[in-house]
Amino acid sequence: MPNIKIFVDDTLYPRVREQLANTLRPVRDMLCHDLSVDVLACQFAVLPVGAMEDQPRVNVEMSILPRQERTRDLLLSVCAKLSAMVGDATGTHVAVRVTSLDPHTYIALK
């Protein structure tokens, strides 16, 4: 799984909504390939938010379950790709944060 939340400044969102929506499938394809997950494991949400003017206008939060092969270097590479892809779609700087979930306490009902 990656669980992806993309927070977009609500003043920017109307201008980038369509392009960002068109970018979600390529982002998902990259994540599935690089993190070795199935499409059904992915969850995406795009949320317009009231953002502070001195912070990035787009923030991506990714939650993943840890695996031995998901090294820091791999995750940094995925974050860079994710930032570039979402940045190209929105035309602005994108902050990316990754959180590893505890596999013993994580529960998902789908």
PDB file of N, CA and C in Angstrom:
ATOM      1  N   MET A   1       0.818  -1.182   0.000  1.00  0.00           N
ATOM      2  CA  MET A   1       0.000   0.000   0.000  1.00  0.00           C
ATOM      3  C   MET A   1       0.852   1.230   0.000  1.00  0.00           C
ATOM      4  N   PRO A   2       0.521   2.186  -0.802  1.00  0.00           N
ATOM      5  CA  PRO A   2       0.732   3.540  -0.329  1.00  0.00           C
ATOM      6  C   PRO A   2      -0.630   4.235  -0.205  1.00  0.00           C
ATOM      7  N   ASN A   3      -0.755   4.992   0.855  1.00  0.00           N
ATOM      8  CA  ASN A   3      -1.921   5.829   1.069  1.00  0.00           C
ATOM      9  C   ASN A   3      -1.436   7.252   0.814  1.00  0.00           C
ATOM     10  N   ILE A   4      -1.968   7.881  -0.234  1.00  0.00           N
ATOM     11  CA  ILE A   4      -1.485   9.187  -0.671  1.00  0.00           C
ATOM     12  C   ILE A   4      -2.552  10.241  -0.446  1.00  0.00           C
ATOM     13  N   LYS A   5      -2.170  11.317   0.218  1.00  0.00           N
ATOM     14  CA  LYS A   5      -3.032  12.489   0.359  1.00  0.00           C
ATOM     15  C   LYS A   5      -2.291  13.675  -0.241  1.00  0.00           C
ATOM     16  N   ILE A   6      -2.945  14.338  -1.182  1.00  0.00           N
ATOM     17  CA  ILE A   6      -2.362  15.507  -1.826  1.00  0.00           C
ATOM     18  C   ILE A   6      -3.180  16.719  -1.393  1.00  0.00           C
ATOM     19  N   PHE A   7      -2.545  17.596  -0.640  1.00  0.00           N
ATOM     20  CA  PHE A   7      -3.187  18.798  -0.138  1.00  0.00           C
ATOM     21  C   PHE A   7      -2.787  19.971  -1.039  1.00  0.00           C
ATOM     22  N   VAL A   8      -3.788  20.640  -1.617  1.00  0.00           N
ATOM     23  CA  VAL A   8      -3.535  21.727  -2.561  1.00  0.00           C
ATOM     24  C   VAL A   8      -4.202  23.000  -2.035  1.00  0.00           C
ATOM     25  N   ASP A   9      -3.449  24.078  -1.995  1.00  0.00           N
ATOM     26  CA  ASP A   9      -3.992  25.373  -1.589  1.00  0.00           C
ATOM     27  C   ASP A   9      -5.273  25.636  -2.377  1.00  0.00           C
ATOM     28  N   ASP A  10      -6.345  25.975  -1.670  1.00  0.00           N
ATOM     29  CA  ASP A  10      -7.636  26.135  -2.340  1.00  0.00           C
ATOM     30  C   ASP A  10      -7.673  27.278  -3.342  1.00  0.00           C
ATOM     31  N   THR A  11      -6.742  28.227  -3.258  1.00  0.00           N
ATOM     32  CA  THR A  11      -6.687  29.277  -4.277  1.00  0.00           C
ATOM     33  C   THR A  11      -6.003  28.786  -5.553  1.00  0.00           C
ATOM     34  N   LEU A  12      -5.218  27.732  -5.462  1.00  0.00           N
ATOM     35  CA  LEU A  12      -4.525  27.140  -6.599  1.00  0.00           C
ATOM     36  C   LEU A  12      -5.340  26.016  -7.239  1.00  0.00           C
ATOM     37  N   TYR A  13      -6.101  25.312  -6.429  1.00  0.00           N
ATOM     38  CA  TYR A  13      -6.775  24.088  -6.864  1.00  0.00           C
ATOM     39  C   TYR A  13      -7.622  24.230  -8.139  1.00  0.00           C
ATOM     40  N   PRO A  14      -8.458  25.247  -8.287  1.00  0.00           N
ATOM     41  CA  PRO A  14      -9.271  25.312  -9.507  1.00  0.00           C
ATOM     42  C   PRO A  14      -8.447  25.330 -10.796  1.00  0.00           C
ATOM     43  N   ARG A  15      -7.282  25.955 -10.770  1.00  0.00           N
ATOM     44  CA  ARG A  15      -6.433  26.043 -11.958  1.00  0.00           C
ATOM     45  C   ARG A  15      -5.702  24.742 -12.274  1.00  0.00           C
ATOM     46  N   VAL A  16      -5.464  23.907 -11.268  1.00  0.00           N
ATOM     47  CA  VAL A  16      -4.647  22.705 -11.469  1.00  0.00           C
ATOM     48  C   VAL A  16      -5.440  21.409 -11.350  1.00  0.00           C
ATOM     49  N   ARG A  17      -6.706  21.511 -11.055  1.00  0.00           N
ATOM     50  CA  ARG A  17      -7.520  20.321 -10.783  1.00  0.00           C
ATOM     51  C   ARG A  17      -7.451  19.284 -11.902  1.00  0.00           C
ATOM     52  N   GLU A  18      -7.680  19.707 -13.135  1.00  0.00           N
ATOM     53  CA  GLU A  18      -7.714  18.758 -14.251  1.00  0.00           C
ATOM     54  C   GLU A  18      -6.348  18.128 -14.501  1.00  0.00           C
ATOM     55  N   GLN A  19      -5.306  18.945 -14.537  1.00  0.00           N
ATOM     56  CA  GLN A  19      -3.962  18.413 -14.784  1.00  0.00           C
ATOM     57  C   GLN A  19      -3.530  17.483 -13.657  1.00  0.00           C
ATOM     58  N   LEU A  20      -3.857  17.843 -12.430  1.00  0.00           N
ATOM     59  CA  LEU A  20      -3.513  16.982 -11.300  1.00  0.00           C
ATOM     60  C   LEU A  20      -4.267  15.652 -11.392  1.00  0.00           C
ATOM     61  N   ALA A  21      -5.536  15.702 -11.740  1.00  0.00           N
ATOM     62  CA  ALA A  21      -6.312  14.469 -11.912  1.00  0.00           C
ATOM     63  C   ALA A  21      -5.699  13.581 -12.993  1.00  0.00           C
ATOM     64  N   ASN A  22      -5.213  14.182 -14.066  1.00  0.00           N
ATOM     65  CA  ASN A  22      -4.579  13.427 -15.147  1.00  0.00           C
ATOM     66  C   ASN A  22      -3.242  12.830 -14.744  1.00  0.00           C
ATOM     67  N   THR A  23      -2.651  13.348 -13.699  1.00  0.00           N
ATOM     68  CA  THR A  23      -1.345  12.883 -13.225  1.00  0.00           C
ATOM     69  C   THR A  23      -1.464  11.726 -12.236  1.00  0.00           C
ATOM     70  N   LEU A  24      -2.633  11.516 -11.674  1.00  0.00           N
ATOM     71  CA  LEU A  24      -2.777  10.501 -10.631  1.00  0.00           C
ATOM     72  C   LEU A  24      -2.464   9.090 -11.123  1.00  0.00           C
ATOM     73  N   ARG A  25      -2.900   8.740 -12.315  1.00  0.00           N
ATOM     74  CA  ARG A  25      -2.623   7.382 -12.820  1.00  0.00           C
ATOM     75  C   ARG A  25      -1.126   7.161 -13.037  1.00  0.00           C
ATOM     76  N   PRO A  26      -0.405   8.098 -13.700  1.00  0.00           N
ATOM     77  CA  PRO A  26       1.047   7.900 -13.803  1.00  0.00           C
ATOM     78  C   PRO A  26       1.759   7.864 -12.444  1.00  0.00           C
ATOM     79  N   VAL A  27       1.286   8.653 -11.491  1.00  0.00           N
ATOM     80  CA  VAL A  27       1.864   8.608 -10.143  1.00  0.00           C
ATOM     81  C   VAL A  27       1.625   7.233  -9.536  1.00  0.00           C
ATOM     82  N   ARG A  28       0.407   6.740  -9.660  1.00  0.00           N
ATOM     83  CA  ARG A  28       0.098   5.412  -9.119  1.00  0.00           C
ATOM     84  C   ARG A  28       0.950   4.338  -9.786  1.00  0.00           C
ATOM     85  N   ASP A  29       1.100   4.424 -11.104  1.00  0.00           N
ATOM     86  CA  ASP A  29       1.931   3.449 -11.817  1.00  0.00           C
ATOM     87  C   ASP A  29       3.365   3.460 -11.304  1.00  0.00           C
ATOM     88  N   MET A  30       3.914   4.657 -11.090  1.00  0.00           N
ATOM     89  CA  MET A  30       5.281   4.775 -10.577  1.00  0.00           C
ATOM     90  C   MET A  30       5.387   4.170  -9.183  1.00  0.00           C
ATOM     91  N   LEU A  31       4.427   4.492  -8.320  1.00  0.00           N
ATOM     92  CA  LEU A  31       4.458   3.973  -6.953  1.00  0.00           C
ATOM     93  C   LEU A  31       4.338   2.451  -6.936  1.00  0.00           C
ATOM     94  N   CYS A  32       3.437   1.923  -7.753  1.00  0.00           N
ATOM     95  CA  CYS A  32       3.271   0.465  -7.800  1.00  0.00           C
ATOM     96  C   CYS A  32       4.553  -0.208  -8.271  1.00  0.00           C
ATOM     97  N   HIS A  33       5.182   0.371  -9.269  1.00  0.00           N
ATOM     98  CA  HIS A  33       6.428  -0.201  -9.783  1.00  0.00           C
ATOM     99  C   HIS A  33       7.552  -0.092  -8.759  1.00  0.00           C
ATOM    100  N   ASP A  34       7.789   1.119  -8.279  1.00  0.00           N
ATOM    101  CA  ASP A  34       8.946   1.352  -7.406  1.00  0.00           C
ATOM    102  C   ASP A  34       8.799   0.718  -6.023  1.00  0.00           C
ATOM    103  N   LEU A  35       7.555   0.634  -5.522  1.00  0.00           N
ATOM    104  CA  LEU A  35       7.333   0.080  -4.186  1.00  0.00           C
ATOM    105  C   LEU A  35       6.847  -1.368  -4.232  1.00  0.00           C
ATOM    106  N   SER A  36       6.722  -1.915  -5.429  1.00  0.00           N
ATOM    107  CA  SER A  36       6.289  -3.312  -5.619  1.00  0.00           C
ATOM    108  C   SER A  36       4.949  -3.594  -4.933  1.00  0.00           C
ATOM    109  N   VAL A  37       3.950  -2.818  -5.311  1.00  0.00           N
ATOM    110  CA  VAL A  37       2.603  -3.019  -4.783  1.00  0.00           C
ATOM    111  C   VAL A  37       1.611  -3.150  -5.930  1.00  0.00           C
ATOM    112  N   ASP A  38       0.475  -3.764  -5.654  1.00  0.00           N
ATOM    113  CA  ASP A  38      -0.605  -3.876  -6.626  1.00  0.00           C
ATOM    114  C   ASP A  38      -1.437  -2.604  -6.632  1.00  0.00           C
ATOM    115  N   VAL A  39      -2.081  -2.353  -7.743  1.00  0.00           N
ATOM    116  CA  VAL A  39      -2.945  -1.181  -7.878  1.00  0.00           C
ATOM    117  C   VAL A  39      -4.004  -1.151  -6.781  1.00  0.00           C
ATOM    118  N   LEU A  40      -4.568  -2.296  -6.460  1.00  0.00           N
ATOM    119  CA  LEU A  40      -5.631  -2.343  -5.448  1.00  0.00           C
ATOM    120  C   LEU A  40      -5.155  -1.938  -4.058  1.00  0.00           C
ATOM    121  N   ALA A  41      -3.861  -1.935  -3.844  1.00  0.00           N
ATOM    122  CA  ALA A  41      -3.323  -1.542  -2.539  1.00  0.00           C
ATOM    123  C   ALA A  41      -3.245  -0.028  -2.372  1.00  0.00           C
ATOM    124  N   CYS A  42      -3.396   0.712  -3.457  1.00  0.00           N
ATOM    125  CA  CYS A  42      -3.230   2.170  -3.416  1.00  0.00           C
ATOM    126  C   CYS A  42      -4.515   2.882  -3.017  1.00  0.00           C
ATOM    127  N   GLN A  43      -4.339   3.989  -2.330  1.00  0.00           N
ATOM    128  CA  GLN A  43      -5.460   4.852  -1.968  1.00  0.00           C
ATOM    129  C   GLN A  43      -5.010   6.290  -2.162  1.00  0.00           C
ATOM    130  N   PHE A  44      -5.786   7.061  -2.925  1.00  0.00           N
ATOM    131  CA  PHE A  44      -5.452   8.449  -3.210  1.00  0.00           C
ATOM    132  C   PHE A  44      -6.567   9.375  -2.752  1.00  0.00           C
ATOM    133  N   ALA A  45      -6.194  10.543  -2.269  1.00  0.00           N
ATOM    134  CA  ALA A  45      -7.141  11.609  -1.977  1.00  0.00           C
ATOM    135  C   ALA A  45      -6.475  12.927  -2.352  1.00  0.00           C
ATOM    136  N   VAL A  46      -7.226  13.774  -3.040  1.00  0.00           N
ATOM    137  CA  VAL A  46      -6.773  15.129  -3.359  1.00  0.00           C
ATOM    138  C   VAL A  46      -7.704  16.074  -2.615  1.00  0.00           C
ATOM    139  N   LEU A  47      -7.105  16.935  -1.796  1.00  0.00           N
ATOM    140  CA  LEU A  47      -7.896  17.777  -0.912  1.00  0.00           C
ATOM    141  C   LEU A  47      -7.508  19.244  -1.046  1.00  0.00           C
ATOM    142  N   PRO A  48      -8.438  20.100  -1.450  1.00  0.00           N
ATOM    143  CA  PRO A  48      -8.156  21.531  -1.391  1.00  0.00           C
ATOM    144  C   PRO A  48      -8.182  21.979   0.075  1.00  0.00           C
ATOM    145  N   VAL A  49      -7.218  22.791   0.451  1.00  0.00           N
ATOM    146  CA  VAL A  49      -7.091  23.217   1.847  1.00  0.00           C
ATOM    147  C   VAL A  49      -6.759  24.702   1.911  1.00  0.00           C
ATOM    148  N   GLY A  50      -7.065  25.296   3.036  1.00  0.00           N
ATOM    149  CA  GLY A  50      -6.608  26.652   3.305  1.00  0.00           C
ATOM    150  C   GLY A  50      -5.159  26.563   3.755  1.00  0.00           C
ATOM    151  N   ALA A  51      -4.260  27.070   2.935  1.00  0.00           N
ATOM    152  CA  ALA A  51      -2.834  26.973   3.242  1.00  0.00           C
ATOM    153  C   ALA A  51      -2.297  28.329   3.699  1.00  0.00           C
ATOM    154  N   MET A  52      -1.272  28.270   4.507  1.00  0.00           N
ATOM    155  CA  MET A  52      -0.620  29.502   4.950  1.00  0.00           C
ATOM    156  C   MET A  52       0.289  30.000   3.830  1.00  0.00           C
ATOM    157  N   GLU A  53       0.363  31.292   3.655  1.00  0.00           N
ATOM    158  CA  GLU A  53       1.089  31.868   2.521  1.00  0.00           C
ATOM    159  C   GLU A  53       2.596  31.643   2.555  1.00  0.00           C
ATOM    160  N   ASP A  54       3.151  31.326   3.709  1.00  0.00           N
ATOM    161  CA  ASP A  54       4.600  31.136   3.803  1.00  0.00           C
ATOM    162  C   ASP A  54       5.000  29.661   3.799  1.00  0.00           C
ATOM    163  N   GLN A  55       4.079  28.780   3.405  1.00  0.00           N
ATOM    164  CA  GLN A  55       4.372  27.360   3.321  1.00  0.00           C
ATOM    165  C   GLN A  55       4.088  26.866   1.906  1.00  0.00           C
ATOM    166  N   PRO A  56       4.609  25.679   1.548  1.00  0.00           N
ATOM    167  CA  PRO A  56       4.350  25.162   0.202  1.00  0.00           C
ATOM    168  C   PRO A  56       2.848  25.088  -0.083  1.00  0.00           C
ATOM    169  N   ARG A  57       2.482  25.408  -1.316  1.00  0.00           N
ATOM    170  CA  ARG A  57       1.068  25.418  -1.707  1.00  0.00           C
ATOM    171  C   ARG A  57       0.544  24.020  -1.971  1.00  0.00           C
ATOM    172  N   VAL A  58       1.454  23.060  -2.139  1.00  0.00           N
ATOM    173  CA  VAL A  58       1.056  21.671  -2.351  1.00  0.00           C
ATOM    174  C   VAL A  58       1.904  20.791  -1.435  1.00  0.00           C
ATOM    175  N   ASN A  59       1.234  19.912  -0.702  1.00  0.00           N
ATOM    176  CA  ASN A  59       1.897  18.961   0.186  1.00  0.00           C
ATOM    177  C   ASN A  59       1.369  17.571  -0.114  1.00  0.00           C
ATOM    178  N   VAL A  60       2.279  16.615  -0.185  1.00  0.00           N
ATOM    179  CA  VAL A  60       1.894  15.229  -0.382  1.00  0.00           C
ATOM    180  C   VAL A  60       2.318  14.446   0.852  1.00  0.00           C
ATOM    181  N   GLU A  61       1.380  13.694   1.398  1.00  0.00           N
ATOM    182  CA  GLU A  61       1.680  12.811   2.519  1.00  0.00           C
ATOM    183  C   GLU A  61       1.465  11.381   2.049  1.00  0.00           C
ATOM    184  N   MET A  62       2.473  10.554   2.257  1.00  0.00           N
ATOM    185  CA  MET A  62       2.387   9.153   1.864  1.00  0.00           C
ATOM    186  C   MET A  62       2.621   8.295   3.099  1.00  0.00           C
ATOM    187  N   SER A  63       1.683   7.405   3.356  1.00  0.00           N
ATOM    188  CA  SER A  63       1.818   6.418   4.423  1.00  0.00           C
ATOM    189  C   SER A  63       2.031   5.060   3.773  1.00  0.00           C
ATOM    190  N   ILE A  64       3.018   4.329   4.266  1.00  0.00           N
ATOM    191  CA  ILE A  64       3.329   3.019   3.698  1.00  0.00           C
ATOM    192  C   ILE A  64       3.623   2.023   4.813  1.00  0.00           C
ATOM    193  N   LEU A  65       3.450   0.771   4.476  1.00  0.00           N
ATOM    194  CA  LEU A  65       3.893  -0.287   5.378  1.00  0.00           C
ATOM    195  C   LEU A  65       5.361  -0.563   5.094  1.00  0.00           C
ATOM    196  N   PRO A  66       6.173  -0.712   6.115  1.00  0.00           N
ATOM    197  CA  PRO A  66       7.598  -0.951   5.887  1.00  0.00           C
ATOM    198  C   PRO A  66       7.858  -2.343   5.324  1.00  0.00           C
ATOM    199  N   ARG A  67       8.898  -2.413   4.526  1.00  0.00           N
ATOM    200  CA  ARG A  67       9.435  -3.678   4.014  1.00  0.00           C
ATOM    201  C   ARG A  67      10.946  -3.526   3.978  1.00  0.00           C
ATOM    202  N   GLN A  68      11.629  -4.637   4.079  1.00  0.00           N
ATOM    203  CA  GLN A  68      13.090  -4.601   4.096  1.00  0.00           C
ATOM    204  C   GLN A  68      13.644  -3.914   2.851  1.00  0.00           C
ATOM    205  N   GLU A  69      13.044  -4.161   1.698  1.00  0.00           N
ATOM    206  CA  GLU A  69      13.553  -3.582   0.450  1.00  0.00           C
ATOM    207  C   GLU A  69      13.208  -2.105   0.281  1.00  0.00           C
ATOM    208  N   ARG A  70      12.365  -1.558   1.137  1.00  0.00           N
ATOM    209  CA  ARG A  70      12.008  -0.132   1.078  1.00  0.00           C
ATOM    210  C   ARG A  70      13.005   0.662   1.916  1.00  0.00           C
ATOM    211  N   THR A  71      14.181   0.770   1.374  1.00  0.00           N
ATOM    212  CA  THR A  71      15.278   1.451   2.064  1.00  0.00           C
ATOM    213  C   THR A  71      15.054   2.962   2.043  1.00  0.00           C
ATOM    214  N   ARG A  72      15.812   3.644   2.858  1.00  0.00           N
ATOM    215  CA  ARG A  72      15.752   5.113   2.871  1.00  0.00           C
ATOM    216  C   ARG A  72      16.062   5.672   1.485  1.00  0.00           C
ATOM    217  N   ASP A  73      17.081   5.118   0.822  1.00  0.00           N
ATOM    218  CA  ASP A  73      17.436   5.597  -0.513  1.00  0.00           C
ATOM    219  C   ASP A  73      16.297   5.389  -1.503  1.00  0.00           C
ATOM    220  N   LEU A  74      15.644   4.235  -1.440  1.00  0.00           N
ATOM    221  CA  LEU A  74      14.510   3.988  -2.331  1.00  0.00           C
ATOM    222  C   LEU A  74      13.386   4.981  -2.052  1.00  0.00           C
ATOM    223  N   LEU A  75      13.077   5.185  -0.776  1.00  0.00           N
ATOM    224  CA  LEU A  75      12.002   6.112  -0.429  1.00  0.00           C
ATOM    225  C   LEU A  75      12.336   7.542  -0.824  1.00  0.00           C
ATOM    226  N   LEU A  76      13.588   7.944  -0.679  1.00  0.00           N
ATOM    227  CA  LEU A  76      13.993   9.281  -1.127  1.00  0.00           C
ATOM    228  C   LEU A  76      13.826   9.417  -2.639  1.00  0.00           C
ATOM    229  N   SER A  77      14.164   8.377  -3.375  1.00  0.00           N
ATOM    230  CA  SER A  77      13.983   8.382  -4.819  1.00  0.00           C
ATOM    231  C   SER A  77      12.505   8.500  -5.194  1.00  0.00           C
ATOM    232  N   VAL A  78      11.658   7.730  -4.520  1.00  0.00           N
ATOM    233  CA  VAL A  78      10.217   7.790  -4.770  1.00  0.00           C
ATOM    234  C   VAL A  78       9.691   9.188  -4.440  1.00  0.00           C
ATOM    235  N   CYS A  79      10.136   9.757  -3.329  1.00  0.00           N
ATOM    236  CA  CYS A  79       9.698  11.105  -2.950  1.00  0.00           C
ATOM    237  C   CYS A  79      10.097  12.137  -3.994  1.00  0.00           C
ATOM    238  N   ALA A  80      11.304  12.023  -4.523  1.00  0.00           N
ATOM    239  CA  ALA A  80      11.760  12.969  -5.548  1.00  0.00           C
ATOM    240  C   ALA A  80      10.903  12.848  -6.811  1.00  0.00           C
ATOM    241  N   LYS A  81      10.607  11.622  -7.215  1.00  0.00           N
ATOM    242  CA  LYS A  81       9.748  11.420  -8.387  1.00  0.00           C
ATOM    243  C   LYS A  81       8.350  11.950  -8.134  1.00  0.00           C
ATOM    244  N   LEU A  82       7.823  11.664  -6.959  1.00  0.00           N
ATOM    245  CA  LEU A  82       6.489  12.120  -6.594  1.00  0.00           C
ATOM    246  C   LEU A  82       6.412  13.641  -6.588  1.00  0.00           C
ATOM    247  N   SER A  83       7.405  14.274  -6.009  1.00  0.00           N
ATOM    248  CA  SER A  83       7.459  15.734  -5.974  1.00  0.00           C
ATOM    249  C   SER A  83       7.530  16.314  -7.387  1.00  0.00           C
ATOM    250  N   ALA A  84       8.347  15.733  -8.235  1.00  0.00           N
ATOM    251  CA  ALA A  84       8.488  16.232  -9.603  1.00  0.00           C
ATOM    252  C   ALA A  84       7.195  16.056 -10.396  1.00  0.00           C
ATOM    253  N   MET A  85       6.558  14.906 -10.271  1.00  0.00           N
ATOM    254  CA  MET A  85       5.338  14.641 -11.037  1.00  0.00           C
ATOM    255  C   MET A  85       4.191  15.560 -10.598  1.00  0.00           C
ATOM    256  N   VAL A  86       4.006  15.691  -9.290  1.00  0.00           N
ATOM    257  CA  VAL A  86       2.943  16.561  -8.789  1.00  0.00           C
ATOM    258  C   VAL A  86       3.310  18.026  -9.034  1.00  0.00           C
ATOM    259  N   GLY A  87       4.589  18.346  -8.931  1.00  0.00           N
ATOM    260  CA  GLY A  87       5.044  19.706  -9.225  1.00  0.00           C
ATOM    261  C   GLY A  87       4.811  20.091 -10.674  1.00  0.00           C
ATOM    262  N   ASP A  88       5.060  19.174 -11.601  1.00  0.00           N
ATOM    263  CA  ASP A  88       4.792  19.442 -13.012  1.00  0.00           C
ATOM    264  C   ASP A  88       3.301  19.685 -13.240  1.00  0.00           C
ATOM    265  N   ALA A  89       2.466  18.948 -12.541  1.00  0.00           N
ATOM    266  CA  ALA A  89       1.013  19.077 -12.710  1.00  0.00           C
ATOM    267  C   ALA A  89       0.468  20.370 -12.105  1.00  0.00           C
ATOM    268  N   THR A  90       1.100  20.844 -11.049  1.00  0.00           N
ATOM    269  CA  THR A  90       0.577  22.016 -10.342  1.00  0.00           C
ATOM    270  C   THR A  90       1.369  23.291 -10.604  1.00  0.00           C
ATOM    271  N   GLY A  91       2.554  23.150 -11.171  1.00  0.00           N
ATOM    272  CA  GLY A  91       3.370  24.325 -11.462  1.00  0.00           C
ATOM    273  C   GLY A  91       3.918  25.010 -10.232  1.00  0.00           C
ATOM    274  N   THR A  92       4.090  24.281  -9.158  1.00  0.00           N
ATOM    275  CA  THR A  92       4.603  24.877  -7.936  1.00  0.00           C
ATOM    276  C   THR A  92       5.454  23.865  -7.174  1.00  0.00           C
ATOM    277  N   HIS A  93       6.170  24.360  -6.182  1.00  0.00           N
ATOM    278  CA  HIS A  93       6.970  23.498  -5.312  1.00  0.00           C
ATOM    279  C   HIS A  93       6.052  22.569  -4.540  1.00  0.00           C
ATOM    280  N   VAL A  94       6.478  21.332  -4.358  1.00  0.00           N
ATOM    281  CA  VAL A  94       5.689  20.331  -3.645  1.00  0.00           C
ATOM    282  C   VAL A  94       6.519  19.760  -2.502  1.00  0.00           C
ATOM    283  N   ALA A  95       5.975  19.817  -1.297  1.00  0.00           N
ATOM    284  CA  ALA A  95       6.601  19.171  -0.147  1.00  0.00           C
ATOM    285  C   ALA A  95       6.054  17.749  -0.047  1.00  0.00           C
ATOM    286  N   VAL A  96       6.934  16.793   0.274  1.00  0.00           N
ATOM    287  CA  VAL A  96       6.529  15.395   0.388  1.00  0.00           C
ATOM    288  C   VAL A  96       6.972  14.870   1.750  1.00  0.00           C
ATOM    289  N   ARG A  97       6.050  14.172   2.399  1.00  0.00           N
ATOM    290  CA  ARG A  97       6.345  13.544   3.683  1.00  0.00           C
ATOM    291  C   ARG A  97       5.944  12.073   3.612  1.00  0.00           C
ATOM    292  N   VAL A  98       6.748  11.213   4.217  1.00  0.00           N
ATOM    293  CA  VAL A  98       6.460   9.780   4.236  1.00  0.00           C
ATOM    294  C   VAL A  98       6.402   9.312   5.688  1.00  0.00           C
ATOM    295  N   THR A  99       5.411   8.512   5.977  1.00  0.00           N
ATOM    296  CA  THR A  99       5.264   7.910   7.292  1.00  0.00           C
ATOM    297  C   THR A  99       5.179   6.403   7.108  1.00  0.00           C
ATOM    298  N   SER A 100       5.960   5.674   7.893  1.00  0.00           N
ATOM    299  CA  SER A 100       5.858   4.217   7.904  1.00  0.00           C
ATOM    300  C   SER A 100       4.851   3.818   8.968  1.00  0.00           C
ATOM    301  N   LEU A 101       3.939   2.949   8.583  1.00  0.00           N
ATOM    302  CA  LEU A 101       2.906   2.482   9.496  1.00  0.00           C
ATOM    303  C   LEU A 101       3.391   1.261  10.262  1.00  0.00           C
ATOM    304  N   ASP A 102       2.852   1.067  11.427  1.00  0.00           N
ATOM    305  CA  ASP A 102       3.174  -0.116  12.221  1.00  0.00           C
ATOM    306  C   ASP A 102       2.337  -1.280  11.703  1.00  0.00           C
ATOM    307  N   PRO A 103       2.965  -2.287  11.095  1.00  0.00           N
ATOM    308  CA  PRO A 103       2.197  -3.390  10.517  1.00  0.00           C
ATOM    309  C   PRO A 103       1.422  -4.209  11.548  1.00  0.00           C
ATOM    310  N   HIS A 104       1.784  -4.113  12.817  1.00  0.00           N
ATOM    311  CA  HIS A 104       1.099  -4.872  13.856  1.00  0.00           C
ATOM    312  C   HIS A 104      -0.179  -4.194  14.328  1.00  0.00           C
ATOM    313  N   THR A 105      -0.268  -2.882  14.111  1.00  0.00           N
ATOM    314  CA  THR A 105      -1.459  -2.164  14.549  1.00  0.00           C
ATOM    315  C   THR A 105      -2.287  -1.612  13.404  1.00  0.00           C
ATOM    316  N   TYR A 106      -1.751  -1.657  12.181  1.00  0.00           N
ATOM    317  CA  TYR A 106      -2.466  -1.117  11.027  1.00  0.00           C
ATOM    318  C   TYR A 106      -3.600  -2.059  10.622  1.00  0.00           C
ATOM    319  N   ILE A 107      -4.774  -1.491  10.445  1.00  0.00           N
ATOM    320  CA  ILE A 107      -5.953  -2.253  10.014  1.00  0.00           C
ATOM    321  C   ILE A 107      -6.575  -1.523   8.832  1.00  0.00           C
ATOM    322  N   ALA A 108      -6.939  -2.272   7.804  1.00  0.00           N
ATOM    323  CA  ALA A 108      -7.630  -1.689   6.647  1.00  0.00           C
ATOM    324  C   ALA A 108      -8.798  -2.584   6.275  1.00  0.00           C
ATOM    325  N   LEU A 109      -9.966  -1.992   6.199  1.00  0.00           N
ATOM    326  CA  LEU A 109     -11.156  -2.687   5.723  1.00  0.00           C
ATOM    327  C   LEU A 109     -11.515  -2.074   4.376  1.00  0.00           C
ATOM    328  N   LYS A 110     -11.535  -2.903   3.352  1.00  0.00           N
ATOM    329  CA  LYS A 110     -11.818  -2.380   2.011  1.00  0.00           C
ATOM    330  C   LYS A 110     -13.021  -3.064   1.429  1.00  0.00           C
TER     331      LYS A 110
END
